[in-house]
N, C-alpha and C. Protein backbone atom coordinates (compact mmCIF):
# COMPACT_ATOMS: atom_id res chain seq x y z
N MET A 1 94.58 81.70 270.33
CA MET A 1 94.20 81.49 268.90
C MET A 1 96.11 81.81 268.26
N SER A 2 95.77 81.45 267.71
CA SER A 2 97.08 81.96 266.56
C SER A 2 96.64 82.99 265.81
N TYR A 3 97.14 83.34 264.71
CA TYR A 3 96.63 84.82 264.50
C TYR A 3 97.49 85.00 263.07
N PRO A 4 97.28 85.93 262.54
CA PRO A 4 97.54 86.14 260.96
C PRO A 4 99.36 86.34 261.12
N LEU A 5 99.92 85.32 259.95
CA LEU A 5 101.87 86.66 260.29
C LEU A 5 101.89 86.08 262.12
N GLN A 6 101.37 85.06 262.38
CA GLN A 6 102.71 84.80 263.82
C GLN A 6 103.46 84.21 263.15
N LEU A 7 104.32 84.19 264.34
CA LEU A 7 105.88 83.75 264.49
C LEU A 7 105.84 83.09 265.38
N GLY A 8 106.33 81.33 265.15
CA GLY A 8 106.20 81.19 267.05
C GLY A 8 105.36 80.19 267.30
N PHE A 9 105.22 80.20 269.08
CA PHE A 9 104.03 78.95 268.96
C PHE A 9 103.16 80.33 269.94
N GLN A 10 101.82 79.48 269.81
CA GLN A 10 100.82 80.44 270.43
C GLN A 10 101.55 80.66 272.39
N ASP A 11 100.97 81.20 272.96
CA ASP A 11 101.44 81.66 274.31
C ASP A 11 100.80 80.84 275.28
N PRO A 12 101.54 79.86 275.73
CA PRO A 12 101.42 78.40 276.92
C PRO A 12 100.47 79.41 278.12
N ALA A 13 99.37 77.99 278.45
CA ALA A 13 98.59 78.62 279.17
C ALA A 13 99.51 77.12 280.41
N SER A 14 100.35 76.65 280.22
CA SER A 14 100.17 75.48 280.81
C SER A 14 101.87 75.07 281.06
N TYR A 15 101.92 74.78 282.08
CA TYR A 15 103.76 74.53 282.58
C TYR A 15 104.20 73.59 281.73
N ILE A 16 104.05 72.84 281.29
CA ILE A 16 104.12 71.41 279.71
C ILE A 16 104.47 72.70 279.07
N MET A 17 103.82 73.52 278.09
CA MET A 17 103.77 73.83 276.91
C MET A 17 104.93 75.15 277.41
N ASN A 18 105.09 75.84 278.28
CA ASN A 18 106.15 76.53 278.67
C ASN A 18 107.27 76.08 278.78
N GLN A 19 107.60 74.61 279.01
CA GLN A 19 109.06 73.80 279.18
C GLN A 19 109.42 73.61 277.65
N PHE A 20 108.28 72.92 276.47
CA PHE A 20 108.05 73.45 275.34
C PHE A 20 109.36 74.51 275.16
N HIS A 21 108.59 75.69 275.49
CA HIS A 21 109.08 76.78 274.32
C HIS A 21 110.57 76.97 274.99
N GLU A 22 110.69 76.61 275.96
CA GLU A 22 112.16 76.86 276.51
C GLU A 22 112.86 76.03 275.44
N PHE A 23 112.41 74.73 275.37
CA PHE A 23 113.46 73.70 275.16
C PHE A 23 113.74 73.85 273.36
N HIS A 24 112.30 74.63 273.09
CA HIS A 24 112.59 74.69 271.65
C HIS A 24 114.02 75.44 271.13
N ASP A 25 113.74 76.81 271.48
CA ASP A 25 114.85 78.25 271.75
C ASP A 25 116.44 77.48 272.13
N PHE A 26 116.39 76.83 273.20
CA PHE A 26 117.80 75.89 272.85
C PHE A 26 118.41 75.20 272.16
N ALA A 27 117.14 73.96 271.58
CA ALA A 27 117.61 73.52 270.52
C ALA A 27 117.73 74.08 269.23
N MET A 28 117.29 75.55 268.93
CA MET A 28 117.71 76.13 268.42
C MET A 28 118.21 77.41 267.81
N ALA A 29 119.37 77.24 269.54
CA ALA A 29 120.41 77.88 269.48
C ALA A 29 121.58 77.04 269.04
N PHE A 30 121.51 75.64 269.12
CA PHE A 30 122.46 74.11 268.78
C PHE A 30 122.21 74.79 267.67
N ILE A 31 120.92 74.86 266.61
CA ILE A 31 120.78 74.53 265.09
C ILE A 31 120.82 76.16 264.68
N ILE A 32 121.28 76.58 264.62
CA ILE A 32 121.67 78.44 264.35
C ILE A 32 123.13 78.45 264.06
N PHE A 33 123.73 77.61 264.97
CA PHE A 33 125.39 77.49 265.15
C PHE A 33 125.83 76.23 263.96
N ILE A 34 125.27 75.39 264.43
CA ILE A 34 126.01 74.42 263.52
C ILE A 34 125.59 74.47 261.88
N THR A 35 124.41 75.39 261.37
CA THR A 35 124.13 75.91 260.09
C THR A 35 125.29 76.35 259.47
N ILE A 36 125.57 77.53 260.52
CA ILE A 36 126.11 78.98 260.39
C ILE A 36 127.98 78.21 260.15
N LEU A 37 128.22 77.00 261.94
CA LEU A 37 129.12 76.66 260.95
C LEU A 37 129.14 75.88 259.94
N VAL A 38 128.69 75.18 259.47
CA VAL A 38 128.71 74.69 257.51
C VAL A 38 128.55 75.10 256.79
N PHE A 39 128.04 76.06 256.54
CA PHE A 39 127.97 76.96 255.33
C PHE A 39 129.63 77.89 255.54
N TYR A 40 130.17 78.26 256.67
CA TYR A 40 131.51 78.54 256.61
C TYR A 40 132.38 77.61 256.41
N ALA A 41 131.82 76.38 256.27
CA ALA A 41 133.30 75.48 256.02
C ALA A 41 133.25 75.48 254.99
N LEU A 42 132.04 75.32 253.90
CA LEU A 42 131.03 75.19 253.09
C LEU A 42 132.02 76.68 252.19
N SER A 43 131.59 77.75 252.89
CA SER A 43 132.76 78.48 251.44
C SER A 43 134.04 78.76 251.33
N LEU A 44 134.31 78.68 252.74
CA LEU A 44 136.37 78.24 252.85
C LEU A 44 136.35 77.72 251.27
N LEU A 45 135.79 75.98 251.50
CA LEU A 45 136.63 75.19 250.23
C LEU A 45 136.08 75.26 249.22
N SER A 46 134.96 76.13 249.14
CA SER A 46 134.43 76.48 247.26
C SER A 46 135.28 77.88 247.03
N ILE A 47 135.84 78.15 248.10
CA ILE A 47 136.80 79.75 247.73
C ILE A 47 138.19 79.49 247.18
N ASN A 48 138.87 78.33 248.12
CA ASN A 48 140.19 78.12 247.90
C ASN A 48 140.44 76.35 248.12
N ALA A 49 139.48 75.03 247.59
CA ALA A 49 139.96 73.91 247.75
C ALA A 49 141.21 73.45 248.02
N PRO A 50 141.79 73.08 246.98
CA PRO A 50 143.31 72.87 247.07
C PRO A 50 144.28 73.12 248.73
N THR A 51 143.95 74.56 249.38
CA THR A 51 144.07 74.58 250.31
C THR A 51 143.66 74.39 251.42
N HIS A 52 142.40 74.80 251.95
CA HIS A 52 141.96 74.07 252.87
C HIS A 52 141.67 72.69 252.92
N TRP A 53 141.45 71.68 251.73
CA TRP A 53 141.07 70.81 251.94
C TRP A 53 142.33 70.03 252.86
N LYS A 54 143.55 70.17 252.39
CA LYS A 54 144.63 69.74 253.66
C LYS A 54 144.62 69.99 255.40
N PHE A 55 143.32 71.13 255.99
CA PHE A 55 143.04 71.28 256.82
C PHE A 55 142.02 70.36 257.27
N VAL A 56 141.05 70.42 255.87
CA VAL A 56 139.90 69.24 256.67
C VAL A 56 140.30 67.84 256.40
N GLU A 57 141.83 67.29 255.79
CA GLU A 57 141.42 66.08 256.21
C GLU A 57 142.86 65.95 257.62
N LYS A 58 143.24 67.14 258.12
CA LYS A 58 143.80 66.65 259.38
C LYS A 58 142.88 65.67 260.52
N GLN A 59 143.68 64.97 261.40
CA GLN A 59 143.30 64.31 262.22
C GLN A 59 142.82 64.88 263.72
N ASN A 60 143.49 66.06 263.68
CA ASN A 60 142.75 66.72 264.86
C ASN A 60 141.05 67.23 264.25
N VAL A 61 141.19 67.92 263.26
CA VAL A 61 139.61 68.16 262.80
C VAL A 61 138.92 67.08 263.02
N GLU A 62 138.82 66.65 262.29
CA GLU A 62 138.31 64.69 262.57
C GLU A 62 137.95 64.14 263.29
N LEU A 63 139.00 64.54 264.56
CA LEU A 63 138.65 64.42 265.82
C LEU A 63 137.75 65.01 266.50
N TRP A 64 137.64 66.48 266.59
CA TRP A 64 137.32 67.71 266.79
C TRP A 64 135.32 67.50 266.74
N TRP A 65 135.34 66.79 264.98
CA TRP A 65 134.39 67.10 264.44
C TRP A 65 133.67 65.43 264.69
N THR A 66 133.89 64.72 265.55
CA THR A 66 133.20 63.64 265.71
C THR A 66 132.41 64.10 267.44
N ILE A 67 133.90 64.29 268.61
CA ILE A 67 133.37 64.53 269.88
C ILE A 67 132.02 65.86 269.86
N SER A 68 132.69 66.69 269.17
CA SER A 68 131.61 67.76 269.15
C SER A 68 130.24 66.93 269.21
N PRO A 69 129.54 66.82 268.01
CA PRO A 69 128.29 66.32 267.68
C PRO A 69 127.75 65.11 269.59
N SER A 70 128.95 64.35 269.32
CA SER A 70 128.58 63.59 270.80
C SER A 70 128.14 64.45 271.95
N PHE A 71 128.69 65.54 272.71
CA PHE A 71 128.36 66.65 273.38
C PHE A 71 126.78 67.71 273.16
N ILE A 72 126.93 67.61 271.82
CA ILE A 72 125.83 68.41 271.52
C ILE A 72 124.14 67.72 271.54
N LEU A 73 124.76 66.13 271.14
CA LEU A 73 123.20 65.11 271.93
C LEU A 73 122.93 65.13 273.04
N ILE A 74 124.18 65.31 273.47
CA ILE A 74 124.03 64.60 275.45
C ILE A 74 122.88 66.35 275.35
N SER A 75 123.68 67.55 275.72
CA SER A 75 123.20 68.52 275.85
C SER A 75 121.41 68.35 275.70
N LEU A 76 121.08 68.14 273.92
CA LEU A 76 120.29 67.89 273.96
C LEU A 76 119.36 66.52 274.43
N ALA A 77 119.83 65.95 274.62
CA ALA A 77 118.97 64.82 275.00
C ALA A 77 118.79 64.76 276.55
N ILE A 78 119.32 65.40 277.82
CA ILE A 78 119.32 65.47 279.26
C ILE A 78 117.69 66.35 279.10
N PRO A 79 118.03 67.74 278.46
CA PRO A 79 116.35 68.23 279.23
C PRO A 79 115.05 67.25 278.16
N SER A 80 115.42 66.45 276.90
CA SER A 80 114.60 66.62 276.55
C SER A 80 114.44 65.21 276.99
N ILE A 81 114.85 64.46 277.74
CA ILE A 81 114.70 62.82 279.16
C ILE A 81 113.34 63.19 279.50
N SER A 82 114.14 64.26 280.12
CA SER A 82 112.82 65.13 281.39
C SER A 82 112.38 65.56 281.45
N LEU A 83 111.28 66.31 280.51
CA LEU A 83 110.71 66.98 279.11
C LEU A 83 109.41 65.56 279.15
N LEU A 84 110.26 64.25 278.87
CA LEU A 84 109.78 62.83 278.91
C LEU A 84 109.02 62.71 279.96
N TYR A 85 109.32 62.62 280.85
CA TYR A 85 109.23 61.94 281.88
C TYR A 85 108.23 63.02 283.08
N TYR A 86 108.86 64.40 282.60
CA TYR A 86 107.15 65.17 283.08
C TYR A 86 106.05 64.58 282.41
N MET A 87 106.06 64.67 282.04
CA MET A 87 104.97 64.21 280.80
C MET A 87 104.60 63.09 280.65
N ASP A 88 105.02 62.06 281.06
CA ASP A 88 104.28 60.63 281.97
C ASP A 88 104.10 60.64 283.45
N GLU A 89 104.31 61.82 283.86
CA GLU A 89 103.62 62.19 285.53
C GLU A 89 102.22 61.67 285.73
N SER A 90 101.46 60.37 286.72
CA SER A 90 100.21 60.61 287.00
C SER A 90 100.12 61.35 288.47
N PRO A 91 100.01 62.33 288.35
CA PRO A 91 99.68 63.05 290.24
C PRO A 91 98.57 62.72 290.11
N ASN A 92 97.70 62.84 291.39
CA ASN A 92 96.20 62.85 291.68
C ASN A 92 95.69 63.46 290.88
N PRO A 93 94.99 63.66 289.92
CA PRO A 93 94.05 64.23 289.42
C PRO A 93 92.54 64.16 290.18
N GLU A 94 92.32 65.70 289.87
CA GLU A 94 91.30 66.51 291.00
C GLU A 94 90.42 66.35 289.61
N VAL A 95 90.42 66.30 288.28
CA VAL A 95 89.24 66.25 287.25
C VAL A 95 89.62 65.14 286.85
N SER A 96 89.19 64.44 286.04
CA SER A 96 89.10 63.60 285.02
C SER A 96 88.51 63.66 283.90
N VAL A 97 87.91 63.96 282.58
CA VAL A 97 87.67 64.10 281.72
C VAL A 97 87.82 63.27 280.65
N LYS A 98 86.95 62.67 279.70
CA LYS A 98 87.00 61.44 278.98
C LYS A 98 86.92 62.47 277.79
N THR A 99 87.10 62.49 276.35
CA THR A 99 87.03 62.78 274.73
C THR A 99 86.76 61.55 274.21
N ILE A 100 85.78 61.46 273.55
CA ILE A 100 85.30 60.77 272.71
C ILE A 100 85.26 60.80 271.69
N GLY A 101 85.90 61.10 270.52
CA GLY A 101 86.24 61.26 268.72
C GLY A 101 84.69 60.28 268.16
N HIS A 102 84.29 61.32 267.64
CA HIS A 102 82.84 60.57 266.39
C HIS A 102 82.91 61.49 265.22
N GLN A 103 83.07 60.57 263.90
CA GLN A 103 82.86 61.23 262.65
C GLN A 103 81.70 62.07 263.29
N TRP A 104 81.45 63.96 262.91
CA TRP A 104 82.25 64.52 263.29
C TRP A 104 82.32 65.53 264.04
N TYR A 105 82.84 64.85 265.61
CA TYR A 105 82.48 66.03 267.20
C TYR A 105 82.73 65.11 267.99
N TRP A 106 82.67 65.96 269.01
CA TRP A 106 83.46 65.47 270.20
C TRP A 106 82.53 65.49 271.50
N THR A 107 83.09 64.19 272.23
CA THR A 107 81.86 63.54 273.27
C THR A 107 82.84 64.00 274.76
N TYR A 108 82.60 64.82 275.59
CA TYR A 108 82.60 65.35 276.80
C TYR A 108 82.24 64.32 277.88
N GLU A 109 82.64 63.99 278.60
CA GLU A 109 82.12 63.25 280.25
C GLU A 109 83.28 63.17 281.67
N ILE A 110 82.63 64.27 282.25
CA ILE A 110 82.70 64.52 283.60
C ILE A 110 82.68 63.03 285.04
N TRP A 111 83.20 62.63 285.29
CA TRP A 111 82.71 61.73 286.62
C TRP A 111 82.97 62.30 287.79
N ASP A 112 83.57 63.49 288.28
CA ASP A 112 83.83 63.63 289.27
C ASP A 112 83.20 64.27 290.18
N HIS A 113 82.29 65.01 289.37
CA HIS A 113 81.54 65.88 291.13
C HIS A 113 79.73 65.12 290.10
N ASN A 114 79.28 65.80 289.97
CA ASN A 114 78.50 65.59 288.89
C ASN A 114 78.21 64.73 287.41
N ARG A 115 77.83 63.82 286.64
CA ARG A 115 78.14 63.05 286.18
C ARG A 115 77.42 63.51 284.72
N ILE A 116 78.63 64.15 283.90
CA ILE A 116 78.43 65.13 282.56
C ILE A 116 78.90 64.55 281.61
N GLU A 117 77.94 64.65 280.56
CA GLU A 117 78.04 64.26 279.65
C GLU A 117 77.55 65.44 277.95
N ILE A 118 78.49 65.40 277.33
CA ILE A 118 78.14 66.82 276.39
C ILE A 118 78.48 66.88 275.29
N ASP A 119 77.58 66.74 274.01
CA ASP A 119 78.45 66.64 273.10
C ASP A 119 79.14 68.26 272.39
N SER A 120 80.11 68.00 271.35
CA SER A 120 80.12 68.84 270.71
C SER A 120 80.62 69.24 269.44
N TYR A 121 79.62 70.02 268.80
CA TYR A 121 79.79 70.32 267.08
C TYR A 121 80.16 72.19 267.36
N MET A 122 80.90 71.64 265.83
CA MET A 122 80.83 72.70 265.21
C MET A 122 79.68 73.69 264.95
N ILE A 123 79.66 74.94 265.70
CA ILE A 123 78.95 75.58 265.39
C ILE A 123 78.51 75.58 263.34
N GLN A 124 77.15 76.40 262.89
CA GLN A 124 77.29 76.10 262.12
C GLN A 124 77.50 77.47 260.81
N LEU A 125 78.12 77.28 259.79
CA LEU A 125 79.08 78.23 258.85
C LEU A 125 78.56 79.28 258.95
N GLU A 126 77.00 79.55 259.17
CA GLU A 126 76.69 81.06 258.61
C GLU A 126 76.73 82.06 260.30
N ASP A 127 76.84 81.13 260.69
CA ASP A 127 77.09 81.51 261.28
C ASP A 127 78.02 82.78 262.26
N TYR A 128 79.14 81.66 261.62
CA TYR A 128 80.56 82.94 262.11
C TYR A 128 80.42 84.59 261.98
N SER A 129 79.70 84.47 260.95
CA SER A 129 79.90 85.76 259.99
C SER A 129 78.99 86.71 260.74
N GLN A 130 77.91 86.35 261.71
CA GLN A 130 76.99 86.44 262.00
C GLN A 130 77.37 87.12 263.19
N GLN A 131 78.04 85.93 264.48
CA GLN A 131 78.59 86.22 266.10
C GLN A 131 79.93 87.14 265.67
N GLY A 132 80.53 87.40 264.35
CA GLY A 132 82.39 87.61 264.78
C GLY A 132 83.72 86.76 265.43
N LEU A 133 83.05 85.31 265.28
CA LEU A 133 83.39 84.36 266.01
C LEU A 133 84.41 83.79 264.82
N PRO A 134 85.84 82.70 266.20
CA PRO A 134 86.73 82.97 265.10
C PRO A 134 86.43 81.80 263.92
N ARG A 135 86.30 81.21 262.56
CA ARG A 135 86.11 80.40 261.89
C ARG A 135 86.48 78.94 261.72
N LEU A 136 85.50 78.61 261.84
CA LEU A 136 85.89 76.70 262.17
C LEU A 136 86.50 75.86 263.32
N LEU A 137 86.63 77.15 264.16
CA LEU A 137 86.81 76.79 265.60
C LEU A 137 85.94 76.83 266.68
N GLU A 138 84.32 77.52 266.54
CA GLU A 138 84.02 77.50 267.84
C GLU A 138 83.16 76.69 267.64
N VAL A 139 82.62 75.83 268.83
CA VAL A 139 82.12 74.89 268.70
C VAL A 139 80.64 75.34 270.27
N ASP A 140 79.09 74.71 269.52
CA ASP A 140 78.37 75.13 270.29
C ASP A 140 77.92 74.50 271.95
N ASN A 141 79.06 73.40 272.12
CA ASN A 141 79.38 73.36 273.57
C ASN A 141 80.99 73.29 273.64
N ARG A 142 80.58 74.35 274.43
CA ARG A 142 82.27 73.87 275.07
C ARG A 142 83.05 72.83 275.99
N LEU A 143 83.78 72.91 276.68
CA LEU A 143 84.39 72.50 277.80
C LEU A 143 85.64 72.94 278.49
N VAL A 144 84.02 73.32 280.05
CA VAL A 144 84.92 74.01 280.84
C VAL A 144 85.84 73.21 281.81
N LEU A 145 86.69 73.29 281.99
CA LEU A 145 88.06 73.31 282.85
C LEU A 145 88.59 73.99 284.56
N PRO A 146 88.64 74.13 285.72
CA PRO A 146 89.10 74.27 286.49
C PRO A 146 90.59 75.00 286.70
N ILE A 147 91.27 75.97 286.84
CA ILE A 147 92.32 76.80 286.46
C ILE A 147 93.57 76.03 287.96
N ASN A 148 94.71 75.57 287.74
CA ASN A 148 95.62 75.70 288.68
C ASN A 148 95.25 73.95 289.18
N SER A 149 94.11 73.05 288.58
CA SER A 149 94.14 71.72 289.13
C SER A 149 94.53 70.76 288.26
N ASN A 150 94.91 69.74 289.14
CA ASN A 150 95.25 68.86 288.18
C ASN A 150 94.52 67.76 287.48
N ILE A 151 94.45 67.90 285.94
CA ILE A 151 93.28 67.11 285.23
C ILE A 151 94.11 66.53 284.44
N ARG A 152 93.19 64.92 284.15
CA ARG A 152 93.76 64.26 283.17
C ARG A 152 92.47 64.00 282.27
N VAL A 153 93.26 63.79 280.96
CA VAL A 153 91.93 64.14 279.83
C VAL A 153 92.68 62.43 279.49
N MET A 154 91.19 61.90 278.89
CA MET A 154 91.70 60.69 278.97
C MET A 154 90.80 60.70 277.14
N THR A 155 91.71 59.80 276.27
CA THR A 155 90.87 59.67 274.58
C THR A 155 90.17 58.61 274.42
N SER A 156 89.13 59.05 273.42
CA SER A 156 89.01 57.41 272.70
C SER A 156 87.93 57.39 271.70
N SER A 157 87.61 56.48 270.53
CA SER A 157 87.04 56.85 269.46
C SER A 157 85.91 55.77 269.43
N THR A 158 85.07 56.32 269.25
CA THR A 158 83.52 55.19 268.54
C THR A 158 83.94 54.89 267.20
N ASP A 159 85.07 55.15 266.21
CA ASP A 159 85.05 54.63 264.92
C ASP A 159 86.37 54.80 263.98
N VAL A 160 86.81 55.71 263.78
CA VAL A 160 88.12 55.34 262.90
C VAL A 160 88.88 56.54 264.61
N ILE A 161 90.21 56.46 263.99
CA ILE A 161 90.81 57.05 265.32
C ILE A 161 91.49 59.30 264.73
N HIS A 162 90.82 59.46 265.75
CA HIS A 162 91.32 60.71 265.72
C HIS A 162 92.08 61.14 266.80
N ALA A 163 92.13 62.95 267.45
CA ALA A 163 93.69 63.21 267.98
C ALA A 163 93.22 64.62 268.62
N TRP A 164 92.97 64.49 269.69
CA TRP A 164 92.82 65.46 270.48
C TRP A 164 93.97 65.78 270.99
N SER A 165 93.69 67.92 270.27
CA SER A 165 95.45 68.86 270.60
C SER A 165 94.46 69.64 270.92
N LEU A 166 95.48 70.10 272.13
CA LEU A 166 95.22 71.77 272.09
C LEU A 166 96.51 72.40 273.08
N PRO A 167 97.07 72.94 271.56
CA PRO A 167 98.33 73.76 271.11
C PRO A 167 98.99 74.53 272.50
N VAL A 168 98.25 74.99 273.26
CA VAL A 168 97.97 76.32 274.16
C VAL A 168 98.84 75.11 275.54
N LEU A 169 97.89 74.18 275.61
CA LEU A 169 98.52 73.28 276.55
C LEU A 169 99.31 71.97 276.28
N GLY A 170 100.15 72.11 275.39
CA GLY A 170 101.11 71.20 275.54
C GLY A 170 100.41 70.09 275.21
N LEU A 171 98.86 69.78 274.83
CA LEU A 171 98.37 68.27 274.50
C LEU A 171 98.03 68.07 273.18
N LYS A 172 97.94 66.67 272.55
CA LYS A 172 98.11 66.55 271.50
C LYS A 172 98.09 64.54 271.81
N MET A 173 96.57 63.88 271.78
CA MET A 173 96.72 62.42 271.99
C MET A 173 96.15 61.14 271.45
N ASP A 174 96.41 60.36 270.85
CA ASP A 174 95.52 59.91 269.47
C ASP A 174 93.95 59.49 270.34
N ALA A 175 93.04 59.47 269.74
CA ALA A 175 91.89 58.80 270.01
C ALA A 175 91.63 57.50 269.07
N VAL A 176 92.15 56.30 269.56
CA VAL A 176 91.97 55.62 269.14
C VAL A 176 90.88 54.34 269.48
N PRO A 177 89.83 53.62 268.05
CA PRO A 177 88.53 52.52 268.97
C PRO A 177 89.48 51.58 269.28
N GLY A 178 88.73 51.44 270.59
CA GLY A 178 89.08 50.42 271.97
C GLY A 178 90.30 50.52 272.94
N ARG A 179 90.18 51.44 272.73
CA ARG A 179 91.80 51.89 273.38
C ARG A 179 91.51 53.23 274.74
N LEU A 180 91.89 53.36 275.59
CA LEU A 180 92.24 54.77 276.85
C LEU A 180 93.20 55.21 276.70
N ASN A 181 93.56 56.40 275.85
CA ASN A 181 95.17 56.94 276.37
C ASN A 181 94.78 57.95 277.28
N GLN A 182 95.43 58.79 277.46
CA GLN A 182 95.28 59.31 278.44
C GLN A 182 96.44 60.87 278.73
N MET A 183 96.96 61.15 279.31
CA MET A 183 97.68 62.78 279.55
C MET A 183 96.98 64.00 280.60
N PHE A 184 97.86 64.64 280.98
CA PHE A 184 97.71 65.22 282.11
C PHE A 184 98.19 66.39 281.93
N THR A 185 97.42 67.54 282.52
CA THR A 185 97.65 69.35 282.69
C THR A 185 97.07 69.73 283.86
N ASN A 186 97.98 71.08 283.39
CA ASN A 186 97.29 71.91 284.91
C ASN A 186 97.35 73.26 284.04
N ILE A 187 95.78 73.60 283.88
CA ILE A 187 96.42 75.00 283.25
C ILE A 187 96.68 76.00 284.72
N ASP A 188 97.42 77.01 283.82
CA ASP A 188 97.51 78.55 284.68
C ASP A 188 97.18 79.57 285.02
N ARG A 189 96.68 79.94 283.86
CA ARG A 189 95.68 80.92 283.86
C ARG A 189 94.20 80.91 282.66
N ALA A 190 93.71 82.02 283.06
CA ALA A 190 91.89 81.47 282.98
C ALA A 190 91.94 82.09 281.45
N GLY A 191 91.19 81.71 280.24
CA GLY A 191 91.07 81.63 278.96
C GLY A 191 90.40 80.80 278.21
N VAL A 192 89.77 81.18 276.99
CA VAL A 192 89.64 80.66 275.70
C VAL A 192 90.65 79.96 275.07
N PHE A 193 90.60 78.81 274.58
CA PHE A 193 92.07 77.89 274.09
C PHE A 193 90.56 77.17 273.37
N TYR A 194 91.71 77.34 271.65
CA TYR A 194 91.21 76.02 270.77
C TYR A 194 92.22 75.77 270.12
N GLY A 195 91.52 74.29 270.23
CA GLY A 195 92.39 73.42 269.09
C GLY A 195 91.48 73.04 267.85
N GLN A 196 92.02 71.60 267.61
CA GLN A 196 91.64 70.68 266.38
C GLN A 196 91.84 69.45 266.61
N CYS A 197 91.06 68.80 265.86
CA CYS A 197 91.09 67.18 265.08
C CYS A 197 92.73 67.29 264.52
N SER A 198 93.58 66.41 264.60
CA SER A 198 95.04 66.36 264.17
C SER A 198 95.30 65.19 263.75
N GLU A 199 94.17 64.56 263.79
CA GLU A 199 94.59 63.11 262.40
C GLU A 199 93.62 63.56 261.34
N ILE A 200 94.11 62.70 260.50
CA ILE A 200 92.45 62.29 259.17
C ILE A 200 91.52 61.22 259.56
N CYS A 201 90.72 61.57 259.63
CA CYS A 201 89.65 61.39 259.79
C CYS A 201 88.62 61.00 259.34
N GLY A 202 88.61 60.90 257.97
CA GLY A 202 87.33 61.83 257.33
C GLY A 202 87.31 62.90 256.58
N SER A 203 86.19 62.79 255.68
CA SER A 203 85.64 63.61 254.81
C SER A 203 85.86 65.61 255.46
N ASN A 204 84.86 65.27 257.02
CA ASN A 204 85.03 66.33 258.53
C ASN A 204 86.38 66.48 258.52
N HIS A 205 87.09 65.72 258.34
CA HIS A 205 88.28 65.60 259.35
C HIS A 205 88.74 67.61 259.86
N SER A 206 88.59 68.11 259.13
CA SER A 206 88.65 69.87 259.44
C SER A 206 87.56 70.76 259.83
N PHE A 207 86.78 69.93 260.03
CA PHE A 207 84.62 70.91 261.41
C PHE A 207 85.11 69.75 262.66
N MET A 208 85.88 69.35 262.81
CA MET A 208 85.61 69.10 264.79
C MET A 208 86.76 69.98 265.58
N PRO A 209 86.32 70.94 265.51
CA PRO A 209 87.25 71.88 266.14
C PRO A 209 86.93 71.40 267.83
N ILE A 210 87.82 72.04 268.88
CA ILE A 210 88.56 71.83 270.14
C ILE A 210 88.06 73.23 271.07
N VAL A 211 87.43 73.26 271.64
CA VAL A 211 86.77 74.33 272.81
C VAL A 211 86.78 74.36 274.42
N VAL A 212 88.29 75.07 275.18
CA VAL A 212 88.17 74.63 276.19
C VAL A 212 88.27 76.37 277.22
N GLU A 213 87.95 76.00 277.66
CA GLU A 213 87.18 77.11 278.40
C GLU A 213 87.94 76.88 280.06
N ALA A 214 88.97 77.82 279.70
CA ALA A 214 89.29 77.50 281.07
C ALA A 214 88.98 78.63 282.44
N VAL A 215 88.51 78.23 283.38
CA VAL A 215 87.65 79.24 285.06
C VAL A 215 88.56 79.01 285.85
N PRO A 216 88.44 79.68 287.11
CA PRO A 216 88.57 79.63 288.00
C PRO A 216 87.81 78.57 288.96
N SER A 217 88.12 77.43 289.73
CA SER A 217 87.85 76.84 290.34
C SER A 217 86.22 76.13 290.99
N ASN A 218 85.65 77.88 290.92
CA ASN A 218 83.92 78.18 292.01
C ASN A 218 83.61 78.53 290.36
N ILE A 219 83.79 78.62 289.76
CA ILE A 219 82.56 78.78 288.15
C ILE A 219 82.68 77.46 287.61
N PHE A 220 84.51 76.39 287.76
CA PHE A 220 83.66 75.18 286.97
C PHE A 220 83.18 74.83 288.18
N TYR A 221 82.88 74.37 289.14
CA TYR A 221 82.05 73.29 290.10
C TYR A 221 80.80 74.39 289.63
N GLU A 222 80.13 75.46 290.17
CA GLU A 222 79.17 76.12 289.67
C GLU A 222 78.30 75.67 288.24
N TRP A 223 79.40 76.09 287.62
CA TRP A 223 78.76 74.80 285.66
C TRP A 223 78.34 73.37 285.81
N SER A 224 79.57 73.05 286.71
CA SER A 224 78.96 71.25 286.66
C SER A 224 77.96 71.26 287.45
N ASN A 225 77.49 72.12 288.62
CA ASN A 225 76.31 71.52 289.02
C ASN A 225 74.91 71.95 288.02
N ASN A 226 75.10 73.22 288.04
CA ASN A 226 74.02 73.52 287.16
C ASN A 226 73.81 72.56 285.17
N ILE A 227 75.18 72.49 284.91
CA ILE A 227 74.48 71.96 283.67
C ILE A 227 73.78 70.62 283.32
N GLU A 228 72.90 70.38 282.91
CA GLU A 228 71.80 69.95 282.43
C GLU A 228 72.78 68.32 281.75
């Protein structure tokens, strides 16, 4: 989870989130360069406007400041489209999870092995200080998923629009009543990952956290066989 005064993203736990990090850094390099260039040009114009105005009106300059943005946009579009394509891939899932949003908790259903259905509520506020848990982020029933496995996450809702969001995995999908959306992930390290509903779904919107516990496959199968 995030921590106070954190700069940047959380440490990625999936390939797709790692690609998000790299694309963010790649795009920021262009943004910083353009920002410095624009401020430099503005400072020159403000210092000696009559002299530099003749330079700005030259045809060669106008040609280059038209061509250069085109190359920048192409450089950003190619990795961006590639990333979008990868996000829409649908590999053969080894585990399928259906997340159903309610006001204000989540229900998780898994059918691949044993039929599992659990409700995940945020624990009571007084328990946070007693157990040293992260405030407003811990739940009574965590969703347990295996690492190094293709996982399909399907989202829906029974009442209003929710959004199942888990930043470290690069996942965020609206849960819409009467509609089934899906996304894919492959968790590459074990850990406990926190998220929250990212849609303003009512008065208790900020009180329906998401907690995924990523474990090795053998522990996941043991959990799925023993859960009631």
